Amino acid sequence: MENLDKIRAYLKLTLAEGIGAKIFSLLVEAFGSAEEAGLASGGAMGRIHGIGPKKVQALQAVTEAMIDDELAWVDKLGAAIICLGDDAYPKALQTIYDPPPLLYVQGKLLPEDAVALAVVGSRRCTHYGLEQAERFGALLGRAGFTVVSGGARGIDTAAHRGSLAAGGRTVAVMGCGLAEIYPPENAKLFGEIIASGRGAVISELPMRTAVLAGNFPVRNRIVSGLSLGTLVIEAALPSGALITARVAAEQGRDVFALPGRVDSPLSAGTHKLLRDGAHLTVDLDDILSPLGEVGEKIQPDEPLFQTQPGLAGDELAIFQALANGPKSLDELVQQTGLDTGQAASCMTMLVIKGALIQQPGNVFARKNQAIKTPAKI
């Protein structure tokens, strides 16, 4: 493991109970480095404003054996530790308030992960929410974004899966240690992220940190901090997704929100975000446009748009029939063998889902195939 002495010095501080990013920063600022802070006396530590006797005691309780045990768990799970300031540490994360002193990483974080978007939302979501999270995960993955989320049930899981299905990259940020798989049913998903070489599972918490509710809101600053913006798909009032959106705005990142049913409690949070100025988002263009120069440089590769997450049966047949360009309703009926009523019903649903757009003359096209006409003033 590279920089082992530095890693051990960081662990000397971060393994102490109650020592988070803020206290770590105070110690390093006071003593000049993590190495010097780890060697400081209890009296010297106690003179730092914000570090009382309990924290001094916790810092002094960390032993070399505890550090050895932590490194053994890192090695056992094939993980790595990246310290703040290392070349491999994500540059965007260095700019946030209270960046994590270190990151435990399974899989790989790559330089291209700087072009990332967070997709978050409710754990208890609707079928619509799952469908849209998977759809946006795929759209973003195909466009070259790394999809960042929290690995939780519901929207997070669907977004990770959508990106992987589209051949994209994804990063899951845990609210517990990497030795604790949560939720347990996502073990296969996390394994796929790691084994595929198309992303990482990361945490700032020591390897065996248990699942505690208080860790998740703190984790959210990493989800948004790794990303150029945060897309919220279904969020109640209140919700963790809204915390992530608020933190993203405080970090100077763009906030995007997908509208939902006006009578659904699970859409109340996203509708509040929209009232408060979040970017209304129904397709990829709604994300690319606010990102300015970054968005302008990203052009989805059309040949990759051969499938659409969440589609099956007649809807998938119609979507695939449009692979080579726009077609009229009559042409689609002839090509797919569906009757006119079936085809019309499917295309209405595909337009609602954002997979297709209807053009003049009852012609349908995939959204990114649509011919743009000059706006009338």
Protein backbone atom coordinates (compact mmCIF):
# COMPACT_ATOMS: atom_id res chain seq x y z
CA MET A 1 0.00 0.00 0.00
CA GLU A 2 1.49 3.34 -1.11
CA ASN A 3 2.14 6.11 1.43
CA LEU A 4 1.69 3.66 4.30
CA ASP A 5 3.18 6.02 6.87
CA LYS A 6 0.80 8.79 5.81
CA ILE A 7 -2.18 6.42 5.87
CA ARG A 8 -1.29 5.22 9.36
CA ALA A 9 -1.05 8.82 10.55
CA TYR A 10 -4.47 9.61 9.12
CA LEU A 11 -5.95 6.48 10.70
CA LYS A 12 -4.46 7.47 14.06
CA LEU A 13 -6.85 10.41 14.00
CA THR A 14 -9.87 9.13 12.08
CA LEU A 15 -10.25 5.90 14.06
CA ALA A 16 -10.83 7.92 17.23
CA GLU A 17 -14.47 7.94 18.29
CA GLY A 18 -16.17 11.28 17.58
CA ILE A 19 -13.38 12.62 15.35
CA GLY A 20 -14.85 13.66 12.02
CA ALA A 21 -13.68 15.84 9.17
CA LYS A 22 -14.01 19.11 11.12
CA ILE A 23 -11.93 18.02 14.13
CA PHE A 24 -9.40 16.36 11.81
CA SER A 25 -9.00 19.68 10.01
CA LEU A 26 -8.53 21.55 13.31
CA LEU A 27 -5.80 19.13 14.39
CA VAL A 28 -3.91 19.32 11.10
CA GLU A 29 -4.16 23.11 11.05
CA ALA A 30 -2.89 23.33 14.63
CA PHE A 31 0.05 20.93 14.30
CA GLY A 32 0.89 21.26 10.61
CA SER A 33 0.23 17.66 9.55
CA ALA A 34 -1.62 14.52 10.56
CA GLU A 35 1.71 12.95 11.50
CA GLU A 36 2.54 15.73 13.96
CA ALA A 37 -1.00 15.78 15.33
CA GLY A 38 -0.76 12.07 16.09
CA LEU A 39 2.40 12.67 18.12
CA ALA A 40 1.01 15.63 20.09
CA SER A 41 0.48 15.40 23.83
CA GLY A 42 -2.95 15.42 25.40
CA GLY A 43 -2.24 18.83 26.90
CA ALA A 44 -1.35 20.30 23.50
CA MET A 45 -4.49 18.84 21.94
CA GLY A 46 -6.67 20.11 24.76
CA ARG A 47 -5.55 23.68 24.12
CA ILE A 48 -7.20 23.63 20.68
CA HIS A 49 -10.61 25.32 20.68
CA GLY A 50 -13.30 22.72 20.02
CA ILE A 51 -11.33 19.74 21.33
CA GLY A 52 -12.36 18.86 24.86
CA PRO A 53 -11.21 16.14 27.28
CA LYS A 54 -13.46 13.45 25.74
CA LYS A 55 -11.98 13.93 22.29
CA VAL A 56 -8.45 14.02 23.66
CA GLN A 57 -9.14 10.75 25.47
CA ALA A 58 -10.57 9.20 22.29
CA LEU A 59 -7.51 10.25 20.28
CA GLN A 60 -5.13 8.82 22.84
CA ALA A 61 -7.07 5.54 22.92
CA VAL A 62 -6.15 4.69 19.31
CA THR A 63 -3.34 2.14 19.35
CA GLU A 64 -1.00 0.77 16.70
CA ALA A 65 -2.81 -2.57 17.04
CA MET A 66 -6.12 -0.88 16.13
CA ILE A 67 -4.49 0.63 13.06
CA ASP A 68 -3.04 -2.77 12.08
CA ASP A 69 -6.48 -4.35 12.45
CA GLU A 70 -8.07 -1.67 10.25
CA LEU A 71 -5.46 -2.18 7.54
CA ALA A 72 -6.01 -5.93 7.72
CA TRP A 73 -9.71 -5.41 6.96
CA VAL A 74 -8.80 -3.10 4.07
CA ASP A 75 -6.52 -5.79 2.66
CA LYS A 76 -9.06 -8.57 3.29
CA LEU A 77 -11.74 -6.79 1.21
CA GLY A 78 -9.34 -5.71 -1.54
CA ALA A 79 -9.93 -2.03 -0.77
CA ALA A 80 -7.62 0.96 -0.89
CA ILE A 81 -7.31 4.12 1.20
CA ILE A 82 -6.95 7.50 -0.49
CA CYS A 83 -5.92 10.41 1.73
CA LEU A 84 -6.93 14.03 1.29
CA GLY A 85 -4.26 15.67 -0.84
CA ASP A 86 -3.27 12.50 -2.70
CA ASP A 87 -3.22 12.69 -6.50
CA ALA A 88 -5.98 10.07 -6.65
CA TYR A 89 -8.27 12.01 -4.28
CA PRO A 90 -11.22 13.45 -6.30
CA LYS A 91 -10.49 17.10 -7.06
CA ALA A 92 -14.13 18.17 -6.76
CA LEU A 93 -14.34 16.71 -3.27
CA GLN A 94 -11.34 18.74 -2.13
CA THR A 95 -13.30 21.95 -2.70
CA ILE A 96 -16.25 21.22 -0.38
CA TYR A 97 -16.66 22.28 3.22
CA ASP A 98 -15.26 19.56 5.51
CA PRO A 99 -13.91 17.17 2.84
CA PRO A 100 -13.42 13.64 4.17
CA PRO A 101 -9.84 13.16 5.44
CA LEU A 102 -9.68 9.82 3.68
CA LEU A 103 -11.73 7.57 1.44
CA TYR A 104 -11.96 3.79 1.62
CA VAL A 105 -12.38 2.55 -1.96
CA GLN A 106 -13.39 -0.79 -3.45
CA GLY A 107 -13.10 -0.70 -7.22
CA LYS A 108 -11.56 2.23 -9.04
CA LEU A 109 -11.99 6.00 -9.02
CA LEU A 110 -10.75 7.40 -12.34
CA PRO A 111 -10.02 10.95 -13.57
CA GLU A 112 -13.05 10.77 -15.88
CA ASP A 113 -15.27 10.43 -12.80
CA ALA A 114 -14.89 14.20 -12.46
CA VAL A 115 -17.74 14.40 -15.01
CA ALA A 116 -20.35 13.04 -12.63
CA LEU A 117 -23.98 13.61 -11.72
CA ALA A 118 -25.70 12.51 -8.53
CA VAL A 119 -29.09 10.81 -8.83
CA VAL A 120 -30.97 10.51 -5.53
CA GLY A 121 -34.48 9.96 -4.24
CA SER A 122 -36.77 8.04 -1.97
CA ARG A 123 -36.14 4.51 -0.75
CA ARG A 124 -39.90 3.86 -0.74
CA CYS A 125 -40.56 4.96 -4.28
CA THR A 126 -43.22 4.29 -6.89
CA HIS A 127 -42.85 2.24 -10.06
CA TYR A 128 -42.66 5.56 -11.94
CA GLY A 129 -39.75 6.66 -9.76
CA LEU A 130 -37.85 3.42 -10.30
CA GLU A 131 -38.45 3.58 -14.03
CA GLN A 132 -37.23 7.17 -14.28
CA ALA A 133 -34.19 6.59 -12.07
CA GLU A 134 -33.11 3.68 -14.24
CA ARG A 135 -33.84 5.68 -17.36
CA PHE A 136 -31.75 8.68 -16.24
CA GLY A 137 -28.99 6.39 -14.96
CA ALA A 138 -28.78 4.93 -18.46
CA LEU A 139 -29.02 8.28 -20.26
CA LEU A 140 -26.27 9.76 -18.11
CA GLY A 141 -24.10 6.66 -18.39
CA ARG A 142 -24.34 6.62 -22.17
CA ALA A 143 -23.55 10.32 -22.32
CA GLY A 144 -20.29 9.83 -20.42
CA PHE A 145 -21.34 10.87 -16.92
CA THR A 146 -20.41 8.84 -13.87
CA VAL A 147 -23.63 8.31 -11.91
CA VAL A 148 -23.12 8.91 -8.18
CA SER A 149 -25.64 7.79 -5.58
CA GLY A 150 -25.91 6.34 -2.10
CA GLY A 151 -26.43 2.65 -2.85
CA ALA A 152 -29.72 2.66 -0.94
CA ARG A 153 -32.94 0.87 -1.80
CA GLY A 154 -35.26 2.44 -4.34
CA ILE A 155 -34.10 5.34 -6.49
CA ASP A 156 -30.38 4.95 -5.69
CA THR A 157 -30.33 1.28 -6.70
CA ALA A 158 -32.23 1.92 -9.93
CA ALA A 159 -29.86 4.73 -10.93
CA HIS A 160 -26.78 2.55 -10.33
CA ARG A 161 -28.34 -0.30 -12.31
CA GLY A 162 -29.34 1.96 -15.19
CA SER A 163 -25.79 3.25 -15.58
CA LEU A 164 -24.26 -0.22 -15.49
CA ALA A 165 -26.82 -1.56 -17.99
CA ALA A 166 -25.87 1.24 -20.39
CA GLY A 167 -22.14 0.55 -20.08
CA GLY A 168 -21.52 3.63 -17.94
CA ARG A 169 -19.63 4.20 -14.71
CA THR A 170 -21.18 4.55 -11.27
CA VAL A 171 -20.03 5.29 -7.71
CA ALA A 172 -21.94 4.19 -4.61
CA VAL A 173 -21.20 6.22 -1.47
CA MET A 174 -21.89 4.23 1.71
CA GLY A 175 -23.19 5.55 5.00
CA CYS A 176 -21.44 2.71 6.85
CA GLY A 177 -18.10 0.92 6.68
CA LEU A 178 -17.26 -1.16 3.62
CA ALA A 179 -17.22 -4.33 5.74
CA GLU A 180 -20.93 -3.72 6.41
CA ILE A 181 -23.04 -4.35 3.30
CA TYR A 182 -26.16 -2.21 3.41
CA PRO A 183 -28.74 -2.81 2.24
CA PRO A 184 -27.82 -6.54 2.25
CA GLU A 185 -29.83 -7.25 -0.90
CA ASN A 186 -27.48 -4.95 -2.84
CA ALA A 187 -24.43 -7.15 -2.25
CA LYS A 188 -24.66 -8.42 -5.84
CA LEU A 189 -24.98 -4.86 -7.22
CA PHE A 190 -21.95 -3.63 -5.28
CA GLY A 191 -20.02 -6.69 -6.40
CA GLU A 192 -20.89 -5.95 -10.03
CA ILE A 193 -19.75 -2.32 -9.71
CA ILE A 194 -16.40 -3.49 -8.35
CA ALA A 195 -15.83 -6.53 -10.58
CA SER A 196 -16.86 -4.80 -13.80
CA GLY A 197 -14.16 -2.14 -13.45
CA ARG A 198 -16.81 0.50 -14.12
CA GLY A 199 -16.98 2.28 -10.80
CA ALA A 200 -16.39 2.11 -7.09
CA VAL A 201 -18.02 1.59 -3.72
CA ILE A 202 -16.62 4.13 -1.26
CA SER A 203 -16.95 5.35 2.32
CA GLU A 204 -15.22 7.81 4.62
CA LEU A 205 -16.04 5.65 7.66
CA PRO A 206 -13.82 2.99 9.26
CA MET A 207 -14.29 -0.45 7.75
CA ARG A 208 -16.57 -1.95 10.40
CA THR A 209 -18.69 1.11 11.15
CA ALA A 210 -22.23 -0.12 11.72
CA VAL A 211 -25.34 1.15 9.95
CA LEU A 212 -26.43 4.19 11.98
CA ALA A 213 -29.07 6.69 10.89
CA GLY A 214 -26.90 9.67 11.81
CA ASN A 215 -24.18 8.71 9.33
CA PHE A 216 -26.35 9.04 6.24
CA PRO A 217 -27.01 12.83 6.23
CA VAL A 218 -23.25 13.39 6.68
CA ARG A 219 -22.56 10.98 3.83
CA ASN A 220 -24.76 13.05 1.50
CA ARG A 221 -22.18 15.85 1.26
CA ILE A 222 -19.88 13.35 -0.48
CA VAL A 223 -22.58 12.27 -2.95
CA SER A 224 -23.17 15.88 -4.02
CA GLY A 225 -19.52 16.90 -3.63
CA LEU A 226 -18.34 14.33 -6.18
CA SER A 227 -20.86 15.62 -8.72
CA LEU A 228 -21.41 18.56 -11.06
CA GLY A 229 -25.07 18.54 -10.03
CA THR A 230 -27.72 16.52 -8.24
CA LEU A 231 -30.90 15.15 -9.81
CA VAL A 232 -33.72 14.38 -7.36
CA ILE A 233 -36.26 11.77 -8.46
CA GLU A 234 -39.15 11.42 -5.99
CA ALA A 235 -38.62 12.84 -2.51
CA ALA A 236 -41.08 13.31 0.30
CA LEU A 237 -41.10 16.12 2.86
CA PRO A 238 -38.72 15.75 4.64
CA SER A 239 -36.22 13.33 3.07
CA GLY A 240 -32.53 12.56 2.79
CA ALA A 241 -32.67 13.42 -0.91
CA LEU A 242 -33.67 16.99 -0.04
CA ILE A 243 -30.71 17.18 2.34
CA THR A 244 -28.45 16.16 -0.54
CA ALA A 245 -30.05 18.81 -2.78
CA ARG A 246 -29.61 21.50 -0.13
CA VAL A 247 -25.96 20.57 0.40
CA ALA A 248 -25.41 20.52 -3.37
CA ALA A 249 -26.73 24.09 -3.63
CA GLU A 250 -24.49 25.16 -0.74
CA GLN A 251 -21.54 23.61 -2.57
CA GLY A 252 -22.36 25.66 -5.66
CA ARG A 253 -23.61 22.66 -7.65
CA ASP A 254 -26.68 22.61 -9.90
CA VAL A 255 -29.87 21.04 -8.56
CA PHE A 256 -32.27 19.23 -10.91
CA ALA A 257 -35.70 17.84 -10.09
CA LEU A 258 -38.06 15.52 -11.92
CA PRO A 259 -41.75 16.43 -11.64
CA GLY A 260 -44.17 13.77 -10.45
CA ARG A 261 -47.86 13.34 -9.67
CA VAL A 262 -49.27 16.46 -8.04
CA ASP A 263 -51.18 14.36 -5.49
CA SER A 264 -48.31 12.07 -4.53
CA PRO A 265 -46.55 12.69 -1.17
CA LEU A 266 -43.42 11.22 -2.73
CA SER A 267 -43.32 14.10 -5.23
CA ALA A 268 -43.91 16.86 -2.67
CA GLY A 269 -40.18 17.29 -2.12
CA THR A 270 -39.27 17.50 -5.80
CA HIS A 271 -42.07 19.98 -6.42
CA LYS A 272 -40.77 22.13 -3.57
CA LEU A 273 -37.32 22.06 -5.18
CA LEU A 274 -38.84 23.20 -8.46
CA ARG A 275 -40.66 26.06 -6.73
CA ASP A 276 -37.38 27.02 -5.09
CA GLY A 277 -35.54 27.23 -8.40
CA ALA A 278 -34.26 23.76 -9.25
CA HIS A 279 -33.96 22.93 -12.94
CA LEU A 280 -37.11 21.17 -14.17
CA THR A 281 -35.81 17.95 -15.72
CA VAL A 282 -37.57 15.55 -18.07
CA ASP A 283 -34.73 14.55 -20.39
CA LEU A 284 -30.95 14.67 -20.80
CA ASP A 285 -30.98 18.06 -22.53
CA ASP A 286 -32.44 19.60 -19.36
CA ILE A 287 -29.27 18.51 -17.56
CA LEU A 288 -26.73 19.32 -20.27
CA SER A 289 -27.93 22.88 -20.88
CA PRO A 290 -27.37 24.30 -17.35
CA LEU A 291 -23.92 22.69 -17.18
CA GLY A 292 -22.63 25.13 -19.78
CA GLU A 293 -19.32 24.22 -21.41
CA VAL A 294 -19.29 20.72 -19.89
CA GLY A 295 -22.78 20.02 -21.21
CA GLU A 296 -21.91 21.36 -24.66
CA LYS A 297 -18.97 18.97 -24.98
CA ILE A 298 -21.05 15.90 -24.13
CA GLN A 299 -22.73 14.35 -27.14
CA PRO A 300 -24.46 10.99 -26.59
CA ASP A 301 -23.35 8.32 -29.04
CA GLU A 302 -26.51 7.51 -31.01
CA PRO A 303 -25.62 3.91 -31.95
CA LEU A 304 -25.66 3.01 -28.24
CA PHE A 305 -29.35 3.89 -27.97
CA GLN A 306 -30.58 0.44 -28.89
CA THR A 307 -32.42 -0.36 -25.65
CA GLN A 308 -34.24 1.65 -23.04
CA PRO A 309 -34.36 0.59 -19.35
CA GLY A 310 -37.85 -0.13 -18.09
CA LEU A 311 -39.30 -1.02 -21.51
CA ALA A 312 -40.59 -4.42 -22.48
CA GLY A 313 -43.05 -6.10 -24.85
CA ASP A 314 -44.82 -3.83 -27.34
CA GLU A 315 -43.19 -0.66 -26.00
CA LEU A 316 -39.71 -2.10 -26.49
CA ALA A 317 -40.63 -3.31 -30.00
CA ILE A 318 -41.68 0.21 -31.00
CA PHE A 319 -38.61 1.79 -29.42
CA GLN A 320 -36.33 -0.61 -31.32
CA ALA A 321 -38.22 0.01 -34.56
CA LEU A 322 -37.20 3.66 -34.33
CA ALA A 323 -33.47 2.86 -34.13
CA ASN A 324 -32.82 4.18 -37.66
CA GLY A 325 -34.83 7.38 -37.41
CA PRO A 326 -38.35 8.86 -37.12
CA LYS A 327 -41.35 6.96 -38.46
CA SER A 328 -45.06 7.60 -38.85
CA LEU A 329 -47.70 5.67 -36.93
CA ASP A 330 -48.63 3.72 -40.07
CA GLU A 331 -45.00 2.75 -40.69
CA LEU A 332 -44.62 1.53 -37.11
CA VAL A 333 -47.81 -0.52 -37.35
CA GLN A 334 -46.54 -2.18 -40.52
CA GLN A 335 -43.04 -2.83 -39.11
CA THR A 336 -44.06 -4.18 -35.70
CA GLY A 337 -47.24 -6.03 -36.65
CA LEU A 338 -49.22 -4.30 -33.90
CA ASP A 339 -52.70 -3.04 -34.60
CA THR A 340 -53.21 0.72 -34.78
CA GLY A 341 -54.83 0.98 -31.35
CA GLN A 342 -52.05 -0.96 -29.62
CA ALA A 343 -49.34 1.08 -31.32
CA ALA A 344 -51.00 4.41 -30.55
CA SER A 345 -51.43 3.48 -26.88
CA CYS A 346 -47.80 2.37 -26.58
CA MET A 347 -46.48 5.51 -28.22
CA THR A 348 -48.50 7.71 -25.90
CA MET A 349 -46.88 5.95 -22.93
CA LEU A 350 -43.43 6.20 -24.50
CA VAL A 351 -43.88 9.96 -24.93
CA ILE A 352 -44.96 10.27 -21.29
CA LYS A 353 -41.92 8.26 -20.19
CA GLY A 354 -39.64 10.55 -22.16
CA ALA A 355 -38.39 7.82 -24.50
CA LEU A 356 -40.06 9.31 -27.61
CA ILE A 357 -41.16 12.67 -28.93
CA GLN A 358 -44.09 13.27 -31.28
CA GLN A 359 -43.42 15.46 -34.31
CA PRO A 360 -45.80 17.10 -36.79
CA GLY A 361 -47.65 14.72 -39.10
CA ASN A 362 -48.09 12.05 -36.44
CA VAL A 363 -44.42 11.12 -36.75
CA PHE A 364 -42.55 9.68 -33.76
CA ALA A 365 -38.83 9.66 -32.94
CA ARG A 366 -36.50 8.89 -30.11
CA LYS A 367 -35.89 12.11 -28.19
CA ASN A 368 -32.32 12.56 -29.40
CA GLN A 369 -33.35 11.91 -33.04
CA ALA A 370 -35.94 14.66 -33.15
CA ILE A 371 -35.50 17.30 -35.85
CA LYS A 372 -35.30 20.71 -34.23
CA THR A 373 -37.27 23.45 -35.92
CA PRO A 374 -36.74 27.19 -35.38
CA ALA A 375 -38.89 28.63 -32.63
CA LYS A 376 -41.69 30.96 -33.74
CA ILE A 377 -41.78 34.38 -32.15
